[in-house]
Structures are given as C-alpha cells and as structure tokens.
C-alpha cells in the first residue's frame, strides 16, 4: 500500500507532516509512506529514513490564501498537485493533505478526477458524540450550495463509508433540519427527504442540530453551507467551555485542588472531542482516495490520517462507492 502525504500543507508544515509520516512508516511496515515536498527541508527533519519511507521532490507550495483554481492550474509542481497526480496515475493508493481546503477540493476534481455518476464530491469529517460512536457528516464545506440529488448522493456515499470502512452495520442516516417532521425545512430539505427515503439505506428522517451529539444518527447529511456553520459552531462552543473551565479552576486554591482531582477525567473528555483523534476527512466521490487533515494537525493527527487511509484502501472504499452509484 502506498500513501502520499502533502508535506508542505498545513499550519505546521513541513515539520508535523514529516514527523507524522515517519511515525506511520515505523508503525506500518507494510505501507510505503511517500513524503511530497521540498526535499532539502524534509531531509533536514529526518534523523532516519526507514526502507518504507520515500521522498518525492516538489518545488512549489500552495499557500493558505492562494485562490484554489488558479493555484492548482499554475502550480503544477506544488506538493499538493504532485501528490494528487500520483493518485491519478496509480503511483499512490491515497493522498493526505492538511493544506488549503479549496485547493485540495480543486486538486481532487481537476487532477484526481470525479467518480462517474457523482456530481459533487463531499467533505466528510467525523463529529464526536457522547456515546463515542461519532457521526460522519457530509458535506461540511466542499460545496456551499447543493441540489436535492447531491444530498441523496452524500447519503449513499456516507452509508457505504460507515459500513465498509468503520464497520457500522446498517448505519442510520439523518437529514439535518430545523425539525424532525417530514414537512419541515427549506425547499432543499423538503425535496431531498423523499429522495433519501427511496434509497437502499437506513434513513431515519430529519434530525435537529441539538440532538447530533447524542448520537441520533451515524451519518448526517446536509449542504456544505449549513454543515460548515454547524462544525464551526461546535468547535467554538467546545473551545469556549474548556476556556471557562480553566478560568474557574484557577480562581482559588480550593478550585485548583478540585481541578487536580478532576484533571484526568477532563483530559479524557477533551480527547473525546478532539478532531486529531479522527485524523482527517475523506473527500468522497473522487476516483481516488483523498483525505483532508485539519489545518493545525500535529504529527499525531497525520499518523491517524494514515491509519484512516489504510483502512479505507483495504476495504476498497472507492470501488464500493463506484459500484453502488453505477447501480
């Protein structure tokens, strides 16, 4: 198995990407890790190079503020585009990037290629839930606008991913809405509802945002605009809560003593809600496996993204989705 990592993408590139790739190479000897980027900078960060770690030089970098389409078309030797081309040319089974989300989406569409029968690929991260199962949510930002048919495709792809990659039997599919009644919502959700009902999936109907963390569904379907707002709201709320807890626990000696007792539990809670534990979000609907890691990913998050990619490749995710879509 060969997994390419865009070593120059992300807030902590190339350090975290190189270290994460090295950790992955040591962990999984049956997987070739391909670091794509500035060869000189990458080699300076490596104290050793295992036999299953390979370096591919790329002379350009797509920056966070680069315009997606222009940068992908003009920076043909950027680390992101080179990694995408390796997937397209079957020189890699998957690619991982923590770089510019818009540029990665464009790389997926223009370089890797869209899967036949899929109109809009979707970004599908995991949202942690109280029961620990998590919910796969799509689309959470790849496409700001969507048609009812797109939501139906998201539902089908999400169901296959949860079952084939994550081992969830008969995953429950929910449609993000402002109420649970079938007639609720805007024109998009009203028209999408019967389409999801007609699919060979376990559609449980509309779900409200307030119930998501309670694990009411295994796959959450929504358009990218609403989904991205949902994700950012959850991230902001979690961050605010932990900031408030930190302030409260440091106000007095009594509170500090209480914090010392509760700290192990609080750390466990923070880990449960930490995106780094999930590694990354696949872009479902492409002709190859592309995984988007969080922009601030550390080495551990990159390693977890490799773990995620390995499982997806082993389960034949892309082939399974293609088969279902063509049917």
Protein backbone atom coordinates (compact mmCIF):
# COMPACT_ATOMS: atom_id res chain seq x y z
CA UNK A 1 0.00 0.00 0.00
CA UNK A 2 1.32 3.45 -0.94
CA UNK A 3 0.14 6.63 0.77
CA UNK A 4 1.34 10.07 -0.33
CA UNK A 5 1.48 12.95 2.15
CA UNK A 6 1.48 16.59 1.06
CA UNK A 7 4.35 17.52 3.36
CA UNK A 8 4.12 21.26 2.69
CA UNK A 9 0.42 21.73 3.50
CA UNK A 10 -0.91 22.92 6.86
CA UNK A 11 -0.09 25.33 9.69
CA UNK A 12 2.82 23.26 10.98
CA UNK A 13 4.30 22.11 7.68
CA UNK A 14 6.60 20.51 6.94
CA UNK A 15 7.61 19.53 10.48
CA UNK A 16 4.39 17.83 11.66
CA UNK A 17 3.76 16.16 8.32
CA UNK A 18 7.26 14.72 8.11
CA UNK A 19 7.24 13.53 11.72
CA UNK A 20 3.76 12.06 11.34
CA UNK A 21 4.81 10.29 8.15
CA UNK A 22 7.90 8.90 9.89
CA UNK A 23 5.79 7.61 12.78
CA UNK A 24 3.40 5.96 10.33
CA UNK A 25 6.25 4.33 8.42
CA UNK A 26 7.59 2.83 11.65
CA UNK A 27 4.13 1.67 12.74
CA UNK A 28 3.03 0.02 9.48
CA UNK A 29 5.88 -1.74 7.73
CA UNK A 30 3.51 -2.99 5.00
CA UNK A 31 2.77 0.57 3.89
CA UNK A 32 5.02 2.82 1.82
CA UNK A 33 4.81 6.42 3.02
CA UNK A 34 5.63 8.96 0.31
CA UNK A 35 6.52 12.45 1.54
CA UNK A 36 5.96 15.02 -1.22
CA UNK A 37 7.55 18.46 -0.92
CA UNK A 38 10.83 20.34 -0.60
CA UNK A 39 13.37 17.51 -0.44
CA UNK A 40 16.08 19.50 1.31
CA UNK A 41 13.76 20.73 4.06
CA UNK A 42 12.26 17.28 4.59
CA UNK A 43 15.61 15.53 4.80
CA UNK A 44 16.80 18.06 7.38
CA UNK A 45 13.92 16.94 9.64
CA UNK A 46 14.62 13.22 9.32
CA UNK A 47 17.18 11.63 11.60
CA UNK A 48 16.49 8.32 9.86
CA UNK A 49 14.72 7.15 6.72
CA UNK A 50 13.09 3.71 7.02
CA UNK A 51 13.04 1.50 3.95
CA UNK A 52 9.29 2.11 3.51
CA UNK A 53 9.61 5.91 3.57
CA UNK A 54 10.19 7.66 0.23
CA UNK A 55 10.76 11.31 -0.61
CA UNK A 56 9.41 12.89 -3.79
CA UNK A 57 10.58 16.43 -4.52
CA UNK A 58 8.08 19.17 -5.38
CA UNK A 59 9.39 22.67 -5.99
CA UNK A 60 6.20 24.68 -5.30
CA UNK A 61 3.76 25.18 -2.41
CA UNK A 62 0.08 26.13 -2.48
CA UNK A 63 -0.35 28.72 0.28
CA UNK A 64 -3.41 29.03 2.56
CA UNK A 65 -4.55 32.26 0.92
CA UNK A 66 -3.97 31.14 -2.69
CA UNK A 67 -7.01 31.14 -4.97
CA UNK A 68 -7.85 27.42 -5.36
CA UNK A 69 -8.41 27.01 -9.10
CA UNK A 70 -5.62 29.36 -10.20
CA UNK A 71 -3.08 27.83 -7.81
CA UNK A 72 -3.82 24.25 -8.86
CA UNK A 73 -3.59 25.14 -12.55
CA UNK A 74 -0.49 27.30 -12.27
CA UNK A 75 1.48 25.48 -9.57
CA UNK A 76 1.69 22.14 -11.31
CA UNK A 77 4.81 21.18 -9.32
CA UNK A 78 3.27 22.01 -5.93
CA UNK A 79 3.35 19.28 -3.30
CA UNK A 80 -0.46 19.01 -3.28
CA UNK A 81 -0.82 18.70 -7.06
CA UNK A 82 2.09 16.25 -7.35
CA UNK A 83 0.53 14.03 -4.65
CA UNK A 84 -2.82 14.20 -6.44
CA UNK A 85 -1.19 13.27 -9.73
CA UNK A 86 0.39 10.24 -8.07
CA UNK A 87 -3.09 9.04 -7.07
CA UNK A 88 -4.40 9.73 -10.58
CA UNK A 89 -1.52 7.78 -12.16
CA UNK A 90 -1.84 4.87 -9.68
CA UNK A 91 1.56 5.64 -8.18
CA UNK A 92 -0.15 6.07 -4.80
CA UNK A 93 -3.30 4.47 -3.37
CA UNK A 94 -4.23 7.56 -1.35
CA UNK A 95 -3.09 11.09 -0.54
CA UNK A 96 -3.31 13.15 2.65
CA UNK A 97 -3.11 16.94 2.93
CA UNK A 98 -3.60 19.47 5.72
CA UNK A 99 -3.35 22.32 3.23
CA UNK A 100 -5.77 24.76 1.59
CA UNK A 101 -9.19 23.04 1.59
CA UNK A 102 -10.42 24.75 -1.57
CA UNK A 103 -7.23 23.88 -3.42
CA UNK A 104 -7.46 20.26 -2.26
CA UNK A 105 -11.04 20.06 -3.49
CA UNK A 106 -9.90 21.50 -6.82
CA UNK A 107 -7.00 19.04 -6.95
CA UNK A 108 -9.49 16.26 -6.38
CA UNK A 109 -11.72 17.43 -9.20
CA UNK A 110 -9.14 18.56 -11.77
CA UNK A 111 -6.25 16.17 -11.05
CA UNK A 112 -7.59 13.00 -9.38
CA UNK A 113 -10.95 13.20 -11.16
CA UNK A 114 -14.58 12.86 -10.18
CA UNK A 115 -16.20 9.44 -9.93
CA UNK A 116 -18.65 8.58 -12.72
CA UNK A 117 -22.20 9.26 -11.56
CA UNK A 118 -21.21 11.68 -8.78
CA UNK A 119 -21.97 15.35 -9.43
CA UNK A 120 -20.38 16.85 -6.30
CA UNK A 121 -17.74 15.20 -4.09
CA UNK A 122 -18.30 15.85 -0.38
CA UNK A 123 -16.05 16.59 2.59
CA UNK A 124 -16.93 14.06 5.29
CA UNK A 125 -15.33 14.56 8.73
CA UNK A 126 -16.31 12.74 11.90
CA UNK A 127 -18.13 14.70 14.61
CA UNK A 128 -17.55 13.24 18.10
CA UNK A 129 -20.65 12.16 20.02
CA UNK A 130 -21.34 11.46 23.70
CA UNK A 131 -21.65 7.70 23.14
CA UNK A 132 -18.24 7.57 21.45
CA UNK A 133 -19.60 6.28 18.11
CA UNK A 134 -19.29 9.61 16.37
CA UNK A 135 -21.28 10.77 13.36
CA UNK A 136 -19.94 11.08 9.82
CA UNK A 137 -21.18 14.41 8.48
CA UNK A 138 -21.26 15.40 4.82
CA UNK A 139 -20.99 17.81 3.20
CA UNK A 140 -19.18 20.06 5.69
CA UNK A 141 -17.62 22.58 3.38
CA UNK A 142 -16.62 21.25 -0.03
CA UNK A 143 -19.68 22.76 -1.74
CA UNK A 144 -21.56 25.74 -0.35
CA UNK A 145 -24.64 25.08 -2.50
CA UNK A 146 -26.31 21.76 -3.17
CA UNK A 147 -29.27 20.27 -5.01
CA UNK A 148 -31.56 17.56 -3.56
CA UNK A 149 -29.85 15.00 -5.80
CA UNK A 150 -26.49 15.91 -4.29
CA UNK A 151 -27.78 15.26 -0.76
CA UNK A 152 -29.02 11.85 -1.92
CA UNK A 153 -25.56 11.03 -3.25
CA UNK A 154 -23.99 12.21 0.03
CA UNK A 155 -26.32 9.88 1.94
CA UNK A 156 -25.38 6.88 -0.19
CA UNK A 157 -21.63 7.56 -0.02
CA UNK A 158 -21.77 8.22 3.73
CA UNK A 159 -23.63 4.98 4.37
CA UNK A 160 -21.06 2.98 2.40
CA UNK A 161 -18.15 4.68 4.20
CA UNK A 162 -19.57 4.00 7.67
CA UNK A 163 -20.28 0.37 6.85
CA UNK A 164 -17.23 -0.61 4.79
CA UNK A 165 -14.53 1.48 6.49
CA UNK A 166 -15.79 1.90 10.05
CA UNK A 167 -17.69 -1.35 10.43
CA UNK A 168 -21.06 0.14 11.41
CA UNK A 169 -23.80 -2.31 10.50
CA UNK A 170 -26.86 -0.77 8.85
CA UNK A 171 -25.80 2.83 9.64
CA UNK A 172 -28.59 5.30 10.45
CA UNK A 173 -28.77 8.23 8.02
CA UNK A 174 -30.20 11.55 9.20
CA UNK A 175 -31.01 14.76 7.29
CA UNK A 176 -30.04 17.97 9.10
CA UNK A 177 -33.13 20.12 9.55
CA UNK A 178 -34.91 22.60 11.83
CA UNK A 179 -37.44 19.99 12.98
CA UNK A 180 -37.99 16.25 12.88
CA UNK A 181 -41.27 16.32 10.95
CA UNK A 182 -41.01 15.28 7.28
CA UNK A 183 -42.57 18.52 6.01
CA UNK A 184 -40.16 20.80 7.91
CA UNK A 185 -37.28 22.76 6.41
CA UNK A 186 -36.42 24.78 3.33
CA UNK A 187 -37.02 23.77 -0.28
CA UNK A 188 -33.75 21.83 -0.41
CA UNK A 189 -34.51 19.56 2.55
CA UNK A 190 -38.17 19.15 1.59
CA UNK A 191 -37.20 17.92 -1.87
CA UNK A 192 -34.31 15.80 -0.59
CA UNK A 193 -36.41 13.94 2.00
CA UNK A 194 -38.30 11.64 -0.44
CA UNK A 195 -35.11 11.01 -2.40
CA UNK A 196 -33.38 9.71 0.74
CA UNK A 197 -36.45 7.62 1.58
CA UNK A 198 -36.20 5.90 -1.79
CA UNK A 199 -32.53 4.93 -1.38
CA UNK A 200 -31.40 1.46 -0.18
CA UNK A 201 -30.18 2.97 3.12
CA UNK A 202 -31.41 3.13 6.72
CA UNK A 203 -32.88 6.64 6.54
CA UNK A 204 -34.18 7.72 9.98
CA UNK A 205 -35.57 11.09 8.84
CA UNK A 206 -34.84 14.65 9.85
CA UNK A 207 -32.58 15.38 12.83
CA UNK A 208 -32.02 18.63 14.68
CA UNK A 209 -28.60 20.10 15.42
CA UNK A 210 -29.17 19.94 19.19
CA UNK A 211 -29.51 16.14 19.05
CA UNK A 212 -26.43 15.34 16.98
CA UNK A 213 -24.00 14.99 19.90
CA UNK A 214 -26.41 12.50 21.49
CA UNK A 215 -25.78 10.10 18.61
CA UNK A 216 -29.21 10.12 16.94
CA UNK A 217 -27.68 9.04 13.63
CA UNK A 218 -24.47 7.55 12.24
CA UNK A 219 -24.37 9.70 9.10
CA UNK A 220 -25.56 13.30 8.93
CA UNK A 221 -26.45 14.72 5.51
CA UNK A 222 -26.52 18.46 4.79
CA UNK A 223 -25.35 21.09 2.30
CA UNK A 224 -21.85 22.48 2.75
CA UNK A 225 -23.00 25.91 3.93
CA UNK A 226 -25.16 24.65 6.80
CA UNK A 227 -22.69 21.87 7.57
CA UNK A 228 -19.70 24.17 7.87
CA UNK A 229 -21.62 26.53 10.16
CA UNK A 230 -22.60 23.52 12.29
CA UNK A 231 -18.99 22.32 12.53
CA UNK A 232 -17.55 25.74 13.37
CA UNK A 233 -20.28 26.33 15.98
CA UNK A 234 -19.45 23.04 17.69
CA UNK A 235 -15.71 23.72 17.61
CA UNK A 236 -16.22 27.21 19.03
CA UNK A 237 -18.57 26.00 21.78
CA UNK A 238 -16.19 23.24 22.87
CA UNK A 239 -13.27 25.69 22.96
CA UNK A 240 -15.28 28.23 24.97
CA UNK A 241 -16.40 25.63 27.51
CA UNK A 242 -12.85 24.44 28.16
CA UNK A 243 -11.67 28.06 28.49
CA UNK A 244 -14.39 28.74 31.06
CA UNK A 245 -13.48 25.59 32.97
CA UNK A 246 -9.81 26.60 33.00
CA UNK A 247 -10.67 30.06 34.36
CA UNK A 248 -12.93 28.58 37.04
CA UNK A 249 -10.38 26.02 38.20
CA UNK A 250 -7.62 28.61 38.65
CA UNK A 251 -9.54 31.23 40.66
CA UNK A 252 -8.72 29.88 44.11
CA UNK A 253 -6.69 27.26 45.94
CA UNK A 254 -9.85 25.23 46.59
CA UNK A 255 -10.68 25.24 42.89
CA UNK A 256 -7.11 24.26 42.00
CA UNK A 257 -7.31 21.28 44.35
CA UNK A 258 -10.59 20.25 42.79
CA UNK A 259 -9.05 20.60 39.35
CA UNK A 260 -6.18 18.31 40.33
CA UNK A 261 -8.71 15.59 41.20
CA UNK A 262 -10.81 16.08 38.08
CA UNK A 263 -7.98 16.62 35.60
CA UNK A 264 -7.71 13.00 34.34
CA UNK A 265 -11.44 12.95 33.58
CA UNK A 266 -11.32 16.36 31.90
CA UNK A 267 -8.41 15.29 29.73
CA UNK A 268 -10.38 12.22 28.69
CA UNK A 269 -13.34 14.42 27.80
CA UNK A 270 -11.13 16.72 25.75
CA UNK A 271 -9.65 13.75 23.89
CA UNK A 272 -13.17 12.53 23.11
CA UNK A 273 -13.98 15.86 21.49
CA UNK A 274 -10.59 16.26 19.77
CA UNK A 275 -10.60 16.21 15.96
CA UNK A 276 -6.98 14.98 15.99
CA UNK A 277 -8.14 11.56 17.17
CA UNK A 278 -10.04 11.08 13.90
CA UNK A 279 -7.14 12.03 11.62
CA UNK A 280 -8.95 13.60 8.73
CA UNK A 281 -11.97 13.85 6.48
CA UNK A 282 -12.19 11.92 3.20
CA UNK A 283 -13.36 13.68 0.05
CA UNK A 284 -15.95 11.15 -1.05
CA UNK A 285 -16.93 10.91 -4.70
CA UNK A 286 -13.50 11.08 -6.31
CA UNK A 287 -11.75 8.45 -8.46
CA UNK A 288 -9.12 8.02 -5.76
CA UNK A 289 -8.83 8.37 -2.02
CA UNK A 290 -8.09 11.93 -0.86
CA UNK A 291 -8.05 12.72 2.87
CA UNK A 292 -8.18 16.27 4.23
CA UNK A 293 -6.46 16.72 7.60
CA UNK A 294 -7.20 19.71 9.83
CA UNK A 295 -5.02 22.71 9.03
CA UNK A 296 -3.49 22.71 12.51
CA UNK A 297 -2.80 18.97 12.52
CA UNK A 298 0.17 17.80 14.57
CA UNK A 299 2.23 14.67 13.91
CA UNK A 300 -0.29 12.51 15.74
CA UNK A 301 -3.14 13.73 13.56
CA UNK A 302 -1.16 12.98 10.40
CA UNK A 303 -0.37 9.50 11.65
CA UNK A 304 -4.07 8.94 12.43
CA UNK A 305 -4.93 10.13 8.92
CA UNK A 306 -2.59 7.45 7.56
CA UNK A 307 -4.36 4.87 9.72
CA UNK A 308 -7.69 6.05 8.33
CA UNK A 309 -6.42 5.91 4.75
CA UNK A 310 -5.05 2.39 5.23
CA UNK A 311 -8.43 1.09 6.36
CA UNK A 312 -10.25 2.85 3.51
CA UNK A 313 -7.86 1.44 0.90
CA UNK A 314 -8.02 -2.06 2.41
CA UNK A 315 -11.82 -2.00 2.36
CA UNK A 316 -11.93 -0.96 -1.30
CA UNK A 317 -13.90 2.18 -0.45
CA UNK A 318 -13.63 3.91 -3.83
CA UNK A 319 -14.60 0.76 -5.74
CA UNK A 320 -17.53 0.08 -3.41
CA UNK A 321 -18.94 3.59 -3.78
CA UNK A 322 -18.50 3.47 -7.56
CA UNK A 323 -20.29 0.14 -7.74
CA UNK A 324 -23.29 1.41 -5.75
CA UNK A 325 -23.53 4.68 -7.68
CA UNK A 326 -23.46 2.96 -11.08
CA UNK A 327 -26.20 0.57 -9.98
